[in-house]
C-alpha atoms as a PDB file:
ATOM      1  CA  MET A   1      42.483 108.530 197.849  1.00  0.00           C
ATOM      2  CA  LYS A   2      40.933 110.750 200.572  1.00  0.00           C
ATOM      3  CA  LYS A   3      38.489 113.761 200.501  1.00  0.00           C
ATOM      4  CA  ASN A   4      38.250 115.977 203.492  1.00  0.00           C
ATOM      5  CA  ASN A   5      34.996 117.604 204.433  1.00  0.00           C
ATOM      6  CA  LEU A   6      35.353 120.254 206.934  1.00  0.00           C
ATOM      7  CA  LEU A   7      31.540 120.020 207.810  1.00  0.00           C
ATOM      8  CA  ALA A   8      30.194 117.951 210.560  1.00  0.00           C
ATOM      9  CA  PHE A   9      29.372 114.391 209.824  1.00  0.00           C
ATOM     10  CA  ALA A  10      25.600 115.157 209.755  1.00  0.00           C
ATOM     11  CA  LEU A  11      26.247 117.397 207.017  1.00  0.00           C
ATOM     12  CA  ILE A  12      28.033 115.027 204.596  1.00  0.00           C
ATOM     13  CA  GLY A  13      26.800 113.899 201.172  1.00  0.00           C
ATOM     14  CA  ALA A  14      27.626 117.532 199.413  1.00  0.00           C
ATOM     15  CA  LEU A  15      30.866 117.006 197.663  1.00  0.00           C
ATOM     16  CA  SER A  16      31.513 120.928 197.418  1.00  0.00           C
ATOM     17  CA  VAL A  17      33.610 121.579 200.637  1.00  0.00           C
ATOM     18  CA  SER A  18      36.724 119.715 200.551  1.00  0.00           C
ATOM     19  CA  LEU A  19      40.468 119.305 200.805  1.00  0.00           C
ATOM     20  CA  PHE A  20      42.600 116.815 198.852  1.00  0.00           C
ATOM     21  CA  ALA A  21      43.299 112.399 197.316  1.00  0.00           C
ATOM     22  CA  CYS A  22      41.678 108.932 197.488  1.00  0.00           C
ATOM     23  CA  THR A  23      39.372 109.060 200.610  1.00  0.00           C
ATOM     24  CA  LYS A  24      36.845 111.460 201.736  1.00  0.00           C
ATOM     25  CA  LYS A  25      37.078 112.825 205.200  1.00  0.00           C
ATOM     26  CA  ASP A  26      33.637 114.009 206.582  1.00  0.00           C
ATOM     27  CA  ALA A  27      34.329 114.276 210.271  1.00  0.00           C
ATOM     28  CA  VAL A  28      36.886 113.949 213.105  1.00  0.00           C
ATOM     29  CA  GLU A  29      39.477 111.489 212.205  1.00  0.00           C
ATOM     30  CA  THR A  30      39.444 108.596 214.326  1.00  0.00           C
ATOM     31  CA  THR A  31      41.591 105.354 214.601  1.00  0.00           C
ATOM     32  CA  ASN A  32      40.266 101.897 213.998  1.00  0.00           C
ATOM     33  CA  ASN A  33      42.580  99.053 214.316  1.00  0.00           C
ATOM     34  CA  ASN A  34      40.170  96.715 216.076  1.00  0.00           C
ATOM     35  CA  GLU A  35      40.487  94.097 212.977  1.00  0.00           C
ATOM     36  CA  ILE A  36      44.347  94.205 212.820  1.00  0.00           C
ATOM     37  CA  SER A  37      46.960  92.383 215.378  1.00  0.00           C
ATOM     38  CA  GLU A  38      49.644  94.349 217.095  1.00  0.00           C
ATOM     39  CA  SER A  39      52.176  92.497 215.091  1.00  0.00           C
ATOM     40  CA  THR A  40      50.732  93.479 211.691  1.00  0.00           C
ATOM     41  CA  LEU A  41      50.511  96.855 212.972  1.00  0.00           C
ATOM     42  CA  ALA A  42      53.997  96.866 213.872  1.00  0.00           C
ATOM     43  CA  LYS A  43      54.850  95.536 210.289  1.00  0.00           C
ATOM     44  CA  ILE A  44      52.764  98.568 208.901  1.00  0.00           C
ATOM     45  CA  SER A  45      54.698 100.914 210.731  1.00  0.00           C
ATOM     46  CA  SER A  46      58.184  99.343 209.790  1.00  0.00           C
ATOM     47  CA  LEU A  47      57.229  99.933 206.219  1.00  0.00           C
ATOM     48  CA  GLY A  48      56.926 103.554 206.888  1.00  0.00           C
ATOM     49  CA  PHE A  49      52.954 104.006 206.851  1.00  0.00           C
ATOM     50  CA  SER A  50      50.839 105.669 209.759  1.00  0.00           C
ATOM     51  CA  THR A  51      48.810 102.876 211.599  1.00  0.00           C
ATOM     52  CA  GLU A  52      46.027 105.605 211.872  1.00  0.00           C
ATOM     53  CA  ASN A  53      42.980 104.415 210.502  1.00  0.00           C
ATOM     54  CA  ALA A  54      44.474 101.253 208.859  1.00  0.00           C
ATOM     55  CA  ARG A  55      42.113  98.385 208.347  1.00  0.00           C
ATOM     56  CA  LYS A  56      41.969  94.883 207.081  1.00  0.00           C
ATOM     57  CA  VAL A  57      40.316  94.661 203.591  1.00  0.00           C
ATOM     58  CA  GLU A  58      40.184  91.983 201.099  1.00  0.00           C
ATOM     59  CA  GLY A  59      43.780  91.198 199.608  1.00  0.00           C
ATOM     60  CA  GLY A  60      45.799  93.145 202.449  1.00  0.00           C
ATOM     61  CA  TYR A  61      45.590  96.243 204.700  1.00  0.00           C
ATOM     62  CA  LEU A  62      44.535  99.681 203.507  1.00  0.00           C
ATOM     63  CA  VAL A  63      46.501 102.660 204.869  1.00  0.00           C
ATOM     64  CA  GLU A  64      46.900 106.233 204.279  1.00  0.00           C
ATOM     65  CA  GLY A  65      43.397 106.297 202.925  1.00  0.00           C
ATOM     66  CA  ASP A  66      43.910 104.376 199.550  1.00  0.00           C
ATOM     67  CA  ILE A  67      47.243 102.423 199.708  1.00  0.00           C
ATOM     68  CA  LEU A  68      46.789  98.477 199.590  1.00  0.00           C
ATOM     69  CA  LEU A  69      49.688  96.674 201.536  1.00  0.00           C
ATOM     70  CA  THR A  70      49.868  93.061 200.738  1.00  0.00           C
ATOM     71  CA  GLU A  71      51.697  90.155 202.549  1.00  0.00           C
ATOM     72  CA  ALA A  72      54.332  90.266 199.727  1.00  0.00           C
ATOM     73  CA  ASN A  73      55.040  94.055 200.984  1.00  0.00           C
ATOM     74  CA  PHE A  74      55.576  92.617 204.391  1.00  0.00           C
ATOM     75  CA  ALA A  75      57.850  89.867 203.092  1.00  0.00           C
ATOM     76  CA  SER A  76      60.107  92.042 201.148  1.00  0.00           C
ATOM     77  CA  THR A  77      63.464  92.969 202.251  1.00  0.00           C
ATOM     78  CA  ALA A  78      64.379  96.362 203.231  1.00  0.00           C
ATOM     79  CA  LYS A  79      66.527  98.158 201.040  1.00  0.00           C
ATOM     80  CA  GLY A  80      67.518 101.250 203.068  1.00  0.00           C
ATOM     81  CA  ASN A  81      65.624 103.684 201.180  1.00  0.00           C
ATOM     82  CA  ASN A  82      64.214 106.012 203.813  1.00  0.00           C
ATOM     83  CA  LEU A  83      62.252 109.242 203.881  1.00  0.00           C
ATOM     84  CA  ASN A  84      63.786 112.585 204.014  1.00  0.00           C
ATOM     85  CA  ILE A  85      61.656 113.719 206.668  1.00  0.00           C
ATOM     86  CA  ALA A  86      61.898 117.561 206.866  1.00  0.00           C
ATOM     87  CA  GLU A  87      60.694 118.313 203.357  1.00  0.00           C
ATOM     88  CA  THR A  88      57.760 118.042 200.835  1.00  0.00           C
ATOM     89  CA  GLU A  89      58.573 116.684 197.453  1.00  0.00           C
ATOM     90  CA  GLN A  90      57.580 113.773 195.228  1.00  0.00           C
ATOM     91  CA  TYR A  91      58.583 110.502 196.391  1.00  0.00           C
ATOM     92  CA  ARG A  92      58.704 107.088 194.818  1.00  0.00           C
ATOM     93  CA  THR A  93      58.949 103.497 196.152  1.00  0.00           C
ATOM     94  CA  THR A  94      61.956 101.181 195.826  1.00  0.00           C
ATOM     95  CA  ASN A  95      60.175  99.173 192.927  1.00  0.00           C
ATOM     96  CA  LEU A  96      59.376 100.810 189.812  1.00  0.00           C
ATOM     97  CA  VAL A  97      57.979  99.498 186.402  1.00  0.00           C
ATOM     98  CA  THR A  98      60.725  98.073 184.465  1.00  0.00           C
ATOM     99  CA  ASN A  99      61.492  96.826 180.899  1.00  0.00           C
ATOM    100  CA  LEU A 100      60.895 100.197 179.342  1.00  0.00           C
ATOM    101  CA  PRO A 101      59.627 101.250 177.133  1.00  0.00           C
ATOM    102  CA  ARG A 102      56.308  99.518 177.548  1.00  0.00           C
ATOM    103  CA  VAL A 103      52.620  99.738 177.185  1.00  0.00           C
ATOM    104  CA  ILE A 104      50.643  99.042 180.313  1.00  0.00           C
ATOM    105  CA  THR A 105      47.000  97.948 179.232  1.00  0.00           C
ATOM    106  CA  VAL A 106      44.245  98.902 181.568  1.00  0.00           C
ATOM    107  CA  SER A 107      40.942  96.857 181.782  1.00  0.00           C
ATOM    108  CA  VAL A 108      37.540  97.931 183.343  1.00  0.00           C
ATOM    109  CA  THR A 109      35.378  95.306 184.932  1.00  0.00           C
ATOM    110  CA  ASN A 110      31.452  95.645 185.566  1.00  0.00           C
ATOM    111  CA  LEU A 111      31.737  99.526 186.292  1.00  0.00           C
ATOM    112  CA  PRO A 112      29.022 101.921 184.915  1.00  0.00           C
ATOM    113  CA  GLN A 113      29.862 103.790 181.540  1.00  0.00           C
ATOM    114  CA  VAL A 114      31.216 106.960 183.347  1.00  0.00           C
ATOM    115  CA  TYR A 115      34.043 105.071 184.955  1.00  0.00           C
ATOM    116  CA  SER A 116      35.061 103.629 181.761  1.00  0.00           C
ATOM    117  CA  ASP A 117      35.261 106.870 180.178  1.00  0.00           C
ATOM    118  CA  ALA A 118      37.070 108.439 183.107  1.00  0.00           C
ATOM    119  CA  VAL A 119      39.732 105.547 182.391  1.00  0.00           C
ATOM    120  CA  ASP A 120      40.004 106.834 178.853  1.00  0.00           C
ATOM    121  CA  GLU A 121      40.504 110.460 180.009  1.00  0.00           C
ATOM    122  CA  MET A 122      43.345 109.148 182.498  1.00  0.00           C
ATOM    123  CA  ILE A 123      44.855 107.164 179.697  1.00  0.00           C
ATOM    124  CA  SER A 124      44.985 110.475 177.379  1.00  0.00           C
ATOM    125  CA  ARG A 125      46.363 112.444 180.511  1.00  0.00           C
ATOM    126  CA  TYR A 126      49.422 110.052 180.845  1.00  0.00           C
ATOM    127  CA  ASN A 127      49.994 109.460 177.221  1.00  0.00           C
ATOM    128  CA  ALA A 128      50.022 113.072 176.427  1.00  0.00           C
ATOM    129  CA  GLN A 129      53.369 113.432 178.415  1.00  0.00           C
ATOM    130  CA  GLY A 130      55.704 111.576 176.057  1.00  0.00           C
ATOM    131  CA  LEU A 131      56.950 109.091 178.659  1.00  0.00           C
ATOM    132  CA  SER A 132      58.563 105.703 178.081  1.00  0.00           C
ATOM    133  CA  LEU A 133      55.439 104.350 179.814  1.00  0.00           C
ATOM    134  CA  THR A 134      52.228 104.621 177.898  1.00  0.00           C
ATOM    135  CA  PHE A 135      48.688 103.208 178.628  1.00  0.00           C
ATOM    136  CA  GLN A 136      45.931 101.727 176.329  1.00  0.00           C
ATOM    137  CA  ARG A 137      42.685  99.951 176.949  1.00  0.00           C
ATOM    138  CA  ALA A 138      42.810  95.983 177.081  1.00  0.00           C
ATOM    139  CA  THR A 139      41.210  94.348 174.211  1.00  0.00           C
ATOM    140  CA  THR A 140      37.508  93.664 175.156  1.00  0.00           C
ATOM    141  CA  GLY A 141      36.911  90.751 177.234  1.00  0.00           C
ATOM    142  CA  THR A 142      40.571  90.566 178.492  1.00  0.00           C
ATOM    143  CA  VAL A 143      41.999  91.560 181.956  1.00  0.00           C
ATOM    144  CA  GLY A 144      44.772  94.333 181.421  1.00  0.00           C
ATOM    145  CA  ASN A 145      47.928  94.639 183.401  1.00  0.00           C
ATOM    146  CA  ILE A 146      45.833  97.021 185.542  1.00  0.00           C
ATOM    147  CA  ASP A 147      42.295  96.139 186.190  1.00  0.00           C
ATOM    148  CA  VAL A 148      39.822  98.929 187.346  1.00  0.00           C
ATOM    149  CA  PHE A 149      36.771  97.485 189.125  1.00  0.00           C
ATOM    150  CA  GLY A 150      34.164  98.468 191.689  1.00  0.00           C
ATOM    151  CA  PHE A 151      33.285  98.013 195.183  1.00  0.00           C
ATOM    152  CA  ASN A 152      30.359  99.672 197.377  1.00  0.00           C
ATOM    153  CA  GLU A 153      31.358 100.797 200.824  1.00  0.00           C
ATOM    154  CA  GLY A 154      29.726 103.763 202.839  1.00  0.00           C
ATOM    155  CA  PRO A 155      31.367 106.058 205.302  1.00  0.00           C
ATOM    156  CA  SER A 156      33.248 104.582 208.166  1.00  0.00           C
ATOM    157  CA  GLY A 157      35.062 106.461 211.018  1.00  0.00           C
ATOM    158  CA  GLY A 158      34.643 109.656 209.253  1.00  0.00           C
ATOM    159  CA  TYR A 159      36.030 108.655 205.906  1.00  0.00           C
ATOM    160  CA  ILE A 160      34.674 107.146 202.801  1.00  0.00           C
ATOM    161  CA  THR A 161      37.391 105.570 200.438  1.00  0.00           C
ATOM    162  CA  LEU A 162      37.209 106.509 196.853  1.00  0.00           C
ATOM    163  CA  GLY A 163      39.681 104.380 195.432  1.00  0.00           C
ATOM    164  CA  SER A 164      42.596 102.102 196.276  1.00  0.00           C
ATOM    165  CA  ALA A 165      45.851 100.677 194.790  1.00  0.00           C
ATOM    166  CA  GLY A 166      49.082  99.121 195.456  1.00  0.00           C
ATOM    167  CA  PHE A 167      52.896  99.427 194.477  1.00  0.00           C
ATOM    168  CA  PRO A 168      54.943  97.882 191.758  1.00  0.00           C
ATOM    169  CA  THR A 169      56.193  94.483 192.295  1.00  0.00           C
ATOM    170  CA  SER A 170      59.643  93.565 192.777  1.00  0.00           C
ATOM    171  CA  SER A 171      59.766  91.876 189.301  1.00  0.00           C
ATOM    172  CA  GLY A 172      59.016  95.394 187.885  1.00  0.00           C
ATOM    173  CA  GLN A 173      55.344  94.953 187.296  1.00  0.00           C
ATOM    174  CA  PRO A 174      52.753  97.530 188.011  1.00  0.00           C
ATOM    175  CA  PHE A 175      50.285  96.919 190.725  1.00  0.00           C
ATOM    176  CA  ASN A 176      47.523  94.944 188.913  1.00  0.00           C
ATOM    177  CA  GLN A 177      44.410  96.299 190.520  1.00  0.00           C
ATOM    178  CA  ILE A 178      42.467  99.641 191.087  1.00  0.00           C
ATOM    179  CA  LYS A 179      39.482  99.578 193.275  1.00  0.00           C
ATOM    180  CA  MET A 180      36.604 102.523 192.789  1.00  0.00           C
ATOM    181  CA  ASN A 181      34.055 102.956 195.172  1.00  0.00           C
ATOM    182  CA  THR A 182      30.410 102.968 193.521  1.00  0.00           C
ATOM    183  CA  ASN A 183      28.757 103.910 196.885  1.00  0.00           C
ATOM    184  CA  VAL A 184      26.625 107.262 196.151  1.00  0.00           C
ATOM    185  CA  ASN A 185      28.429 108.816 199.124  1.00  0.00           C
ATOM    186  CA  ALA A 186      31.702 108.622 197.188  1.00  0.00           C
ATOM    187  CA  TYR A 187      31.009 110.409 193.986  1.00  0.00           C
ATOM    188  CA  GLY A 188      27.293 111.184 194.239  1.00  0.00           C
ATOM    189  CA  THR A 189      24.451 110.143 192.003  1.00  0.00           C
ATOM    190  CA  ASN A 190      25.935 111.507 188.925  1.00  0.00           C
ATOM    191  CA  PRO A 191      29.550 110.973 188.936  1.00  0.00           C
ATOM    192  CA  ASN A 192      31.874 113.707 187.437  1.00  0.00           C
ATOM    193  CA  LEU A 193      34.122 112.214 184.836  1.00  0.00           C
ATOM    194  CA  GLN A 194      36.879 114.568 185.429  1.00  0.00           C
ATOM    195  CA  TYR A 195      36.877 114.069 189.046  1.00  0.00           C
ATOM    196  CA  LEU A 196      36.880 110.314 188.465  1.00  0.00           C
ATOM    197  CA  ALA A 197      39.691 110.529 186.098  1.00  0.00           C
ATOM    198  CA  SER A 198      41.559 112.682 188.639  1.00  0.00           C
ATOM    199  CA  VAL A 199      41.325 109.928 191.220  1.00  0.00           C
ATOM    200  CA  LEU A 200      42.158 107.138 188.692  1.00  0.00           C
ATOM    201  CA  GLN A 201      45.103 109.105 187.743  1.00  0.00           C
ATOM    202  CA  HIS A 202      46.272 109.395 191.245  1.00  0.00           C
ATOM    203  CA  GLU A 203      45.789 105.477 191.830  1.00  0.00           C
ATOM    204  CA  VAL A 204      47.841 104.797 188.614  1.00  0.00           C
ATOM    205  CA  GLY A 205      50.338 107.013 190.254  1.00  0.00           C
ATOM    206  CA  HIS A 206      50.516 104.705 193.187  1.00  0.00           C
ATOM    207  CA  CYS A 207      50.591 101.349 190.867  1.00  0.00           C
ATOM    208  CA  ILE A 208      53.770 102.957 188.976  1.00  0.00           C
ATOM    209  CA  GLY A 209      55.640 103.623 192.139  1.00  0.00           C
ATOM    210  CA  PHE A 210      54.627 107.058 193.424  1.00  0.00           C
ATOM    211  CA  ARG A 211      54.171 107.786 197.102  1.00  0.00           C
ATOM    212  CA  HIS A 212      51.964 110.567 198.518  1.00  0.00           C
ATOM    213  CA  THR A 213      53.482 114.018 197.888  1.00  0.00           C
ATOM    214  CA  ASP A 214      52.961 115.007 201.695  1.00  0.00           C
ATOM    215  CA  TYR A 215      53.799 111.498 203.019  1.00  0.00           C
ATOM    216  CA  MET A 216      55.573 113.191 205.864  1.00  0.00           C
ATOM    217  CA  ASN A 217      52.788 115.363 206.822  1.00  0.00           C
ATOM    218  CA  ARG A 218      49.360 114.272 205.591  1.00  0.00           C
ATOM    219  CA  ALA A 219      47.741 117.178 207.854  1.00  0.00           C
ATOM    220  CA  TYR A 220      49.070 119.393 204.698  1.00  0.00           C
ATOM    221  CA  SER A 221      46.127 118.205 202.431  1.00  0.00           C
ATOM    222  CA  CYS A 222      43.980 116.164 204.896  1.00  0.00           C
ATOM    223  CA  GLY A 223      43.796 118.504 207.883  1.00  0.00           C
ATOM    224  CA  GLY A 224      44.062 117.310 211.520  1.00  0.00           C
ATOM    225  CA  ARG A 225      47.123 116.708 213.380  1.00  0.00           C
ATOM    226  CA  ARG A 226      50.640 116.568 211.814  1.00  0.00           C
ATOM    227  CA  ALA A 227      51.838 112.840 210.986  1.00  0.00           C
ATOM    228  CA  ASN A 228      55.234 111.969 210.208  1.00  0.00           C
ATOM    229  CA  GLU A 229      55.733 108.233 209.431  1.00  0.00           C
ATOM    230  CA  GLY A 230      59.524 108.449 209.487  1.00  0.00           C
ATOM    231  CA  ALA A 231      61.617 105.793 207.781  1.00  0.00           C
ATOM    232  CA  SER A 232      60.351 103.620 205.200  1.00  0.00           C
ATOM    233  CA  ASP A 233      61.251 100.039 204.075  1.00  0.00           C
ATOM    234  CA  VAL A 234      58.964 100.052 200.950  1.00  0.00           C
ATOM    235  CA  GLY A 235      60.782 102.810 199.691  1.00  0.00           C
ATOM    236  CA  ALA A 236      60.145 106.821 199.993  1.00  0.00           C
ATOM    237  CA  ILE A 237      62.906 108.185 198.008  1.00  0.00           C
ATOM    238  CA  ARG A 238      62.966 111.929 196.823  1.00  0.00           C
ATOM    239  CA  ILE A 239      62.709 112.272 193.184  1.00  0.00           C
ATOM    240  CA  PRO A 240      65.485 114.751 192.121  1.00  0.00           C
ATOM    241  CA  GLY A 241      64.569 118.251 190.810  1.00  0.00           C
ATOM    242  CA  THR A 242      61.190 118.164 192.667  1.00  0.00           C
ATOM    243  CA  PRO A 243      60.579 121.059 195.261  1.00  0.00           C
ATOM    244  CA  SER A 244      61.637 121.063 198.977  1.00  0.00           C
ATOM    245  CA  LYS A 245      58.591 122.972 199.794  1.00  0.00           C
ATOM    246  CA  ALA A 246      54.804 122.388 199.987  1.00  0.00           C
ATOM    247  CA  ASP A 247      53.307 121.721 196.516  1.00  0.00           C
ATOM    248  CA  ALA A 248      49.480 122.427 196.833  1.00  0.00           C
ATOM    249  CA  GLU A 249      48.522 121.195 193.313  1.00  0.00           C
ATOM    250  CA  SER A 250      50.143 118.027 193.016  1.00  0.00           C
ATOM    251  CA  PHE A 251      48.170 115.000 191.867  1.00  0.00           C
ATOM    252  CA  MET A 252      49.757 112.553 194.558  1.00  0.00           C
ATOM    253  CA  LEU A 253      48.688 114.711 197.525  1.00  0.00           C
ATOM    254  CA  ALA A 254      46.972 112.470 199.953  1.00  0.00           C
ATOM    255  CA  CYS A 255      43.669 113.931 199.943  1.00  0.00           C
ATOM    256  CA  SER A 256      41.247 115.064 197.311  1.00  0.00           C
ATOM    257  CA  ASN A 257      39.957 118.507 196.811  1.00  0.00           C
ATOM    258  CA  GLY A 258      36.841 116.855 195.233  1.00  0.00           C
ATOM    259  CA  GLY A 259      37.578 118.348 191.813  1.00  0.00           C
ATOM    260  CA  ASN A 260      39.645 117.875 188.770  1.00  0.00           C
ATOM    261  CA  ARG A 261      43.401 117.677 189.325  1.00  0.00           C
ATOM    262  CA  THR A 262      45.887 116.694 186.756  1.00  0.00           C
ATOM    263  CA  PHE A 263      49.588 117.073 186.455  1.00  0.00           C
ATOM    264  CA  ASN A 264      51.401 120.329 187.658  1.00  0.00           C
ATOM    265  CA  ALA A 265      54.847 121.161 186.683  1.00  0.00           C
ATOM    266  CA  ASN A 266      56.506 119.412 189.465  1.00  0.00           C
ATOM    267  CA  ASP A 267      54.535 116.207 188.958  1.00  0.00           C
ATOM    268  CA  LEU A 268      55.791 116.288 185.263  1.00  0.00           C
ATOM    269  CA  ILE A 269      59.231 116.764 186.581  1.00  0.00           C
ATOM    270  CA  ALA A 270      59.000 113.527 188.582  1.00  0.00           C
ATOM    271  CA  LEU A 271      57.050 111.643 185.983  1.00  0.00           C
ATOM    272  CA  ASN A 272      59.850 112.527 183.359  1.00  0.00           C
ATOM    273  CA  TYR A 273      62.619 111.585 185.792  1.00  0.00           C
ATOM    274  CA  LEU A 274      61.281 108.286 186.365  1.00  0.00           C
ATOM    275  CA  TYR A 275      59.932 107.322 183.171  1.00  0.00           C
END
């Protein structure tokens, strides 16, 4: 997820001036593909993701600020589900969580208490919606279907990653990891519980199959130039009933506003349609 600070880079550290999702933008956006081969960049593009600021990370490649693409994504067969380019709605991936109704367990590994409390808040937000997909904390000492754990990474290229996750597997399992940044530049020295819960809520959205709401034009929430990635082999399928216009409060916008954001009315339409 990405947070956009319109101040100059020298003024970063304050989380108060912002735009919207799972990374934080503190300066002019730059492209850093030095660690990625041209063939891999072509694969990323063919999946329907922007290669701008894509980078190699543990387990795969981080794109769009907070989405982890793995080798399994590259190896999957295209299903012909492409983006409806001209609009801004909720989108899902081809793969969704299956075998409903079901309970998804969530564990927290080696993170401060506020992150654990934020996971509980995130779970409450989803479970309050009466979906066929519900969440609960994993039994103490066990790893859940989704494990939330930390990494420490400072700003790079004008951004700082707040959290990251991937998409459901072809076998209908949720993506099994959410990484949350413990660097002081991400959430400050005293992380806000509601803000952390909002980032976790967004990342769980990816784990169960949500793409970014402003997928076709990340400038809507992130600023900068318009970016439209076009067709998507991993799936960018419009969810029926969601609006064909900009949705400023969606929990799945690409960039964070630095505050508390939960489900809006259109998000609930999308959640209830899928689950």
